[in-house]
Every structure is written in structure tokens, then in C-alpha cells.
Amino acid sequence: MKILNGVLNEELDRLNQLKKNYEKQIAKLPKGSLIRKNIKGNIYYYLNYRQEKKKIFKYIGKLPGKELENLLDKIEERRKLEKLNKQVKKDIKKLEKMIK
């Protein structure tokens, strides 16, 4: 039984470290989604996200092709990391129940 508890504790430590790494990476990336608005024939971009209960539209401006693709890639990467982080949190809860 001690061996099993040791393995479970090691896995819990690994998952906690993974969670911290995901959260650090997520904090570096832009949150929300990109909104495209056509105003008087010109295209402007806004970053849309929530801060507490308030919707925020942060003006980005006119973006050239490469910068737009780069921003979209970062937003997509954040979404993937958030999904992975959510799964890790679920796994941590399961392991904590098993250890108790």
C-alpha cells in the first residue's frame, strides 16, 4: 500500500507542477477573442474579453497580415492550454480523493 501511495503522490506532484507551468504560459498570452469591425470602409481590430463581469473591448488597430496571424495563433494557443489546464485540475482532484 505504501508503494501505491508513493506513486500517487509522485503523480500528484507532477500534475501540480504541470498546472503551474500551464498557468505561467497562459498568463503570457492574450486573453479573449479578436473582433473585426468595419468602420467607414476601414477594418479595425479589437481584443474582446471579460474582466470580472465587465466586457472589455481593447483597441488593437489596423493589423498587417503577419501580426494578425501571430495574434490569432497566440489566442488559439491560449485556448488549447486552458483546456489542458482544466483537464489537469480534474485529474488533481481525482488523485487527491484517491490518496485520502
C-alpha atoms as a PDB file:
ATOM      1  CA  MET A   1       0.000   0.000   0.000  1.00  0.00           C
ATOM      2  CA  LYS A   2       2.928   2.338   0.706  1.00  0.00           C
ATOM      3  CA  ILE A   3       4.211   1.838  -2.821  1.00  0.00           C
ATOM      4  CA  LEU A   4       0.828   2.759  -4.300  1.00  0.00           C
ATOM      5  CA  ASN A   5       0.610   5.878  -2.125  1.00  0.00           C
ATOM      6  CA  GLY A   6       4.142   6.819  -3.182  1.00  0.00           C
ATOM      7  CA  VAL A   7       3.258   6.504  -6.866  1.00  0.00           C
ATOM      8  CA  LEU A   8       0.056   8.507  -6.403  1.00  0.00           C
ATOM      9  CA  ASN A   9       1.909  11.256  -4.537  1.00  0.00           C
ATOM     10  CA  GLU A  10       4.555  11.437  -7.270  1.00  0.00           C
ATOM     11  CA  GLU A  11       1.834  11.734  -9.906  1.00  0.00           C
ATOM     12  CA  LEU A  12       0.114  14.448  -7.846  1.00  0.00           C
ATOM     13  CA  ASP A  13       3.380  16.400  -7.606  1.00  0.00           C
ATOM     14  CA  ARG A  14       3.906  16.042 -11.360  1.00  0.00           C
ATOM     15  CA  LEU A  15       0.380  17.286 -12.095  1.00  0.00           C
ATOM     16  CA  ASN A  16       0.756  20.254  -9.729  1.00  0.00           C
ATOM     17  CA  GLN A  17       3.989  21.237 -11.465  1.00  0.00           C
ATOM     18  CA  LEU A  18       2.317  20.860 -14.860  1.00  0.00           C
ATOM     19  CA  LYS A  19      -0.564  23.057 -13.683  1.00  0.00           C
ATOM     20  CA  LYS A  20       1.869  25.790 -12.580  1.00  0.00           C
ATOM     21  CA  ASN A  21       3.651  25.658 -15.944  1.00  0.00           C
ATOM     22  CA  TYR A  22       0.375  25.911 -17.851  1.00  0.00           C
ATOM     23  CA  GLU A  23      -0.740  28.875 -15.742  1.00  0.00           C
ATOM     24  CA  LYS A  24       2.561  30.699 -16.367  1.00  0.00           C
ATOM     25  CA  GLN A  25       2.249  30.135 -20.114  1.00  0.00           C
ATOM     26  CA  ILE A  26      -1.418  31.206 -20.117  1.00  0.00           C
ATOM     27  CA  ALA A  27      -0.590  34.447 -18.275  1.00  0.00           C
ATOM     28  CA  LYS A  28       1.854  35.436 -21.036  1.00  0.00           C
ATOM     29  CA  LEU A  29      -0.705  35.034 -23.828  1.00  0.00           C
ATOM     30  CA  PRO A  30      -3.533  37.447 -24.765  1.00  0.00           C
ATOM     31  CA  LYS A  31      -6.950  36.505 -23.450  1.00  0.00           C
ATOM     32  CA  GLY A  32     -10.295  36.772 -25.192  1.00  0.00           C
ATOM     33  CA  SER A  33     -11.056  36.773 -28.873  1.00  0.00           C
ATOM     34  CA  LEU A  34     -10.320  39.032 -31.801  1.00  0.00           C
ATOM     35  CA  ILE A  35     -13.187  41.153 -33.147  1.00  0.00           C
ATOM     36  CA  ARG A  36     -13.061  42.684 -36.603  1.00  0.00           C
ATOM     37  CA  LYS A  37     -15.049  45.879 -37.199  1.00  0.00           C
ATOM     38  CA  ASN A  38     -15.591  47.667 -40.496  1.00  0.00           C
ATOM     39  CA  ILE A  39     -15.867  51.403 -39.804  1.00  0.00           C
ATOM     40  CA  LYS A  40     -16.318  53.728 -42.782  1.00  0.00           C
ATOM     41  CA  GLY A  41     -14.661  51.237 -45.102  1.00  0.00           C
ATOM     42  CA  ASN A  42     -11.646  50.697 -42.830  1.00  0.00           C
ATOM     43  CA  ILE A  43     -11.055  47.485 -40.888  1.00  0.00           C
ATOM     44  CA  TYR A  44     -10.107  47.771 -37.224  1.00  0.00           C
ATOM     45  CA  TYR A  45      -9.393  45.006 -34.726  1.00  0.00           C
ATOM     46  CA  TYR A  46     -10.381  44.791 -31.073  1.00  0.00           C
ATOM     47  CA  LEU A  47      -9.483  42.271 -28.409  1.00  0.00           C
ATOM     48  CA  ASN A  48     -12.682  41.236 -26.618  1.00  0.00           C
ATOM     49  CA  TYR A  49     -12.523  39.705 -23.131  1.00  0.00           C
ATOM     50  CA  ARG A  50     -14.199  39.800 -19.734  1.00  0.00           C
ATOM     51  CA  GLN A  51     -12.745  41.426 -16.652  1.00  0.00           C
ATOM     52  CA  GLU A  52     -14.833  40.323 -13.686  1.00  0.00           C
ATOM     53  CA  LYS A  53     -18.384  40.889 -15.019  1.00  0.00           C
ATOM     54  CA  LYS A  54     -17.468  43.652 -17.432  1.00  0.00           C
ATOM     55  CA  LYS A  55     -16.877  43.192 -21.171  1.00  0.00           C
ATOM     56  CA  ILE A  56     -13.695  44.874 -22.370  1.00  0.00           C
ATOM     57  CA  PHE A  57     -13.009  45.844 -25.985  1.00  0.00           C
ATOM     58  CA  LYS A  58      -9.330  46.727 -26.215  1.00  0.00           C
ATOM     59  CA  TYR A  59      -8.443  48.590 -29.398  1.00  0.00           C
ATOM     60  CA  ILE A  60      -5.717  46.870 -31.395  1.00  0.00           C
ATOM     61  CA  GLY A  61      -5.925  48.954 -34.569  1.00  0.00           C
ATOM     62  CA  LYS A  62      -5.172  48.018 -38.141  1.00  0.00           C
ATOM     63  CA  LEU A  63      -3.056  44.887 -38.238  1.00  0.00           C
ATOM     64  CA  PRO A  64      -0.861  43.763 -41.116  1.00  0.00           C
ATOM     65  CA  GLY A  65      -1.205  40.123 -42.203  1.00  0.00           C
ATOM     66  CA  LYS A  66       1.703  38.671 -40.202  1.00  0.00           C
ATOM     67  CA  GLU A  67       0.800  40.443 -36.970  1.00  0.00           C
ATOM     68  CA  LEU A  68      -2.830  39.351 -37.328  1.00  0.00           C
ATOM     69  CA  GLU A  69      -1.827  35.713 -37.876  1.00  0.00           C
ATOM     70  CA  ASN A  70       0.589  35.894 -34.932  1.00  0.00           C
ATOM     71  CA  LEU A  71      -2.122  37.261 -32.619  1.00  0.00           C
ATOM     72  CA  LEU A  72      -4.639  34.640 -33.771  1.00  0.00           C
ATOM     73  CA  ASP A  73      -2.062  31.889 -33.172  1.00  0.00           C
ATOM     74  CA  LYS A  74      -1.422  33.161 -29.642  1.00  0.00           C
ATOM     75  CA  ILE A  75      -5.152  33.264 -28.873  1.00  0.00           C
ATOM     76  CA  GLU A  76      -5.584  29.711 -30.192  1.00  0.00           C
ATOM     77  CA  GLU A  77      -2.572  28.521 -28.174  1.00  0.00           C
ATOM     78  CA  ARG A  78      -4.090  30.047 -25.026  1.00  0.00           C
ATOM     79  CA  ARG A  79      -7.361  28.204 -25.626  1.00  0.00           C
ATOM     80  CA  LYS A  80      -5.524  24.897 -26.016  1.00  0.00           C
ATOM     81  CA  LEU A  81      -3.509  25.499 -22.842  1.00  0.00           C
ATOM     82  CA  GLU A  82      -6.670  26.412 -20.925  1.00  0.00           C
ATOM     83  CA  LYS A  83      -8.278  23.112 -21.988  1.00  0.00           C
ATOM     84  CA  LEU A  84      -5.194  21.171 -20.913  1.00  0.00           C
ATOM     85  CA  ASN A  85      -5.061  23.054 -17.612  1.00  0.00           C
ATOM     86  CA  LYS A  86      -8.730  22.283 -16.965  1.00  0.00           C
ATOM     87  CA  GLN A  87      -8.090  18.569 -17.519  1.00  0.00           C
ATOM     88  CA  VAL A  88      -5.059  18.645 -15.203  1.00  0.00           C
ATOM     89  CA  LYS A  89      -7.183  20.258 -12.479  1.00  0.00           C
ATOM     90  CA  LYS A  90      -9.753  17.474 -12.810  1.00  0.00           C
ATOM     91  CA  ASP A  91      -7.009  14.855 -12.585  1.00  0.00           C
ATOM     92  CA  ILE A  92      -5.586  16.529  -9.474  1.00  0.00           C
ATOM     93  CA  LYS A  93      -8.993  16.384  -7.763  1.00  0.00           C
ATOM     94  CA  LYS A  94      -9.352  12.693  -8.614  1.00  0.00           C
ATOM     95  CA  LEU A  95      -5.889  11.893  -7.271  1.00  0.00           C
ATOM     96  CA  GLU A  96      -6.476  13.840  -4.075  1.00  0.00           C
ATOM     97  CA  LYS A  97      -9.640  11.812  -3.473  1.00  0.00           C
ATOM     98  CA  MET A  98      -7.769   8.568  -4.125  1.00  0.00           C
ATOM     99  CA  ILE A  99      -4.975   9.467  -1.713  1.00  0.00           C
ATOM    100  CA  LYS A 100      -7.425  10.258   1.089  1.00  0.00           C
END
